[in-house]
Amino acid sequence: MDKQLIENIRKDMAIVLPDKISLVELEELLTIYANQLIQKDFQKLVTLLYRIDVSEAKLKYLLQLQRDENAGNIIAKLIIERQVEKMKSRQQFSKQNDDISEDEKW
């Protein structure tokens, strides 16, 4: 499991996660956490999803499409997917900045 992914999820969600965790275990923990928030603090869940930038339209679509699926599991998968997308984007941006000469940087 990518340490950076775990660290980003820890930071963005303000939750405690073990240092060594498999993707399956991470998904399970996030599913449990999302389900707890659905039951006890839905507004906090909405705020977290907004902060992480999970697509509201995609979430609504998947919840409709997969009515028999655990909602917390769908949310967990989307959180992981979005974090991976952000990491890839940062890496690409970083590489692009490395290609710019020092004279052209601000």
Protein backbone atom coordinates (compact mmCIF):
# COMPACT_ATOMS: atom_id res chain seq x y z
CA MET A 1 0.00 0.00 0.00
CA ASP A 2 1.26 3.43 -0.90
CA LYS A 3 2.32 5.34 2.22
CA GLN A 4 1.42 8.63 0.56
CA LEU A 5 -2.16 7.47 -0.05
CA ILE A 6 -2.57 6.53 3.60
CA GLU A 7 -1.03 9.82 4.72
CA ASN A 8 -3.30 11.85 2.43
CA ILE A 9 -6.40 10.07 3.70
CA ARG A 10 -5.28 10.57 7.30
CA LYS A 11 -4.75 14.27 6.70
CA ASP A 12 -7.88 14.97 4.66
CA MET A 13 -10.22 12.95 6.86
CA ALA A 14 -8.51 13.51 10.22
CA ILE A 15 -8.68 9.82 11.07
CA VAL A 16 -6.22 7.36 12.56
CA LEU A 17 -4.99 4.64 10.22
CA PRO A 18 -2.27 2.05 10.73
CA ASP A 19 1.02 2.62 8.88
CA LYS A 20 0.89 -0.81 7.26
CA ILE A 21 -2.48 -1.59 5.76
CA SER A 22 -3.64 -3.33 2.61
CA LEU A 23 -5.99 -1.71 0.13
CA VAL A 24 -8.73 -4.15 1.19
CA GLU A 25 -8.22 -3.27 4.87
CA LEU A 26 -8.21 0.46 4.07
CA GLU A 27 -11.45 0.09 2.14
CA GLU A 28 -13.00 -1.85 5.05
CA LEU A 29 -11.99 0.79 7.62
CA LEU A 30 -13.27 3.62 5.43
CA THR A 31 -16.53 1.71 4.86
CA ILE A 32 -17.06 1.35 8.61
CA TYR A 33 -16.22 5.02 9.17
CA ALA A 34 -18.53 6.20 6.36
CA ASN A 35 -21.38 4.07 7.69
CA GLN A 36 -20.87 5.50 11.19
CA LEU A 37 -21.03 9.02 9.77
CA ILE A 38 -24.16 8.17 7.77
CA GLN A 39 -25.82 7.06 11.02
CA LYS A 40 -24.47 9.63 13.48
CA ASP A 41 -23.09 12.72 11.73
CA PHE A 42 -24.24 12.95 8.13
CA GLN A 43 -23.23 16.61 7.85
CA LYS A 44 -19.64 15.71 8.75
CA LEU A 45 -19.66 13.07 5.99
CA VAL A 46 -20.91 15.61 3.47
CA THR A 47 -18.20 18.06 4.57
CA LEU A 48 -15.48 15.40 4.27
CA LEU A 49 -16.62 14.37 0.80
CA TYR A 50 -16.65 18.02 -0.26
CA ARG A 51 -13.16 18.60 1.17
CA ILE A 52 -11.79 15.48 -0.54
CA ASP A 53 -13.58 16.58 -3.73
CA VAL A 54 -15.56 13.39 -4.31
CA SER A 55 -17.94 13.95 -7.22
CA GLU A 56 -21.45 14.40 -5.86
CA ALA A 57 -22.94 13.45 -9.22
CA LYS A 58 -20.85 10.27 -9.41
CA LEU A 59 -21.78 9.32 -5.83
CA LYS A 60 -25.50 9.82 -6.48
CA TYR A 61 -25.26 7.85 -9.72
CA LEU A 62 -23.46 4.91 -8.06
CA LEU A 63 -25.86 4.88 -5.11
CA GLN A 64 -28.79 4.69 -7.56
CA LEU A 65 -27.10 2.13 -9.79
CA GLN A 66 -26.00 -0.13 -6.95
CA ARG A 67 -28.95 0.01 -4.58
CA ASP A 68 -28.05 -3.33 -2.99
CA GLU A 69 -24.44 -2.27 -2.32
CA ASN A 70 -23.41 -0.93 1.10
CA ALA A 71 -23.43 2.88 0.78
CA GLY A 72 -20.39 3.16 3.03
CA ASN A 73 -18.46 0.84 0.71
CA ILE A 74 -19.34 2.92 -2.33
CA ILE A 75 -18.18 6.04 -0.48
CA ALA A 76 -14.96 4.33 0.65
CA LYS A 77 -14.11 3.32 -2.92
CA LEU A 78 -14.77 6.84 -4.19
CA ILE A 79 -12.58 8.37 -1.47
CA ILE A 80 -9.68 6.07 -2.37
CA GLU A 81 -10.21 6.64 -6.09
CA ARG A 82 -10.22 10.43 -5.65
CA GLN A 83 -7.10 10.40 -3.47
CA VAL A 84 -5.26 8.31 -6.09
CA GLU A 85 -6.38 10.74 -8.83
CA LYS A 86 -5.08 13.71 -6.82
CA MET A 87 -1.73 11.97 -6.22
CA LYS A 88 -1.32 11.25 -9.95
CA SER A 89 -2.22 14.83 -10.79
CA ARG A 90 0.35 16.18 -8.31
CA GLN A 91 3.03 13.90 -9.76
CA GLN A 92 2.28 15.07 -13.31
CA PHE A 93 2.30 18.71 -12.23
CA SER A 94 5.57 18.20 -10.38
CA LYS A 95 7.17 16.64 -13.47
CA GLN A 96 5.96 19.52 -15.64
CA ASN A 97 7.52 22.01 -13.24
CA ASP A 98 10.80 20.09 -13.34
CA ASP A 99 10.88 20.54 -17.13
CA ILE A 100 10.72 24.35 -16.85
CA SER A 101 14.06 26.12 -16.81
CA GLU A 102 14.98 28.23 -13.78
CA ASP A 103 14.80 31.39 -15.92
CA GLU A 104 11.16 30.70 -16.81
CA LYS A 105 10.02 29.98 -13.25
CA TRP A 106 8.62 32.84 -11.22
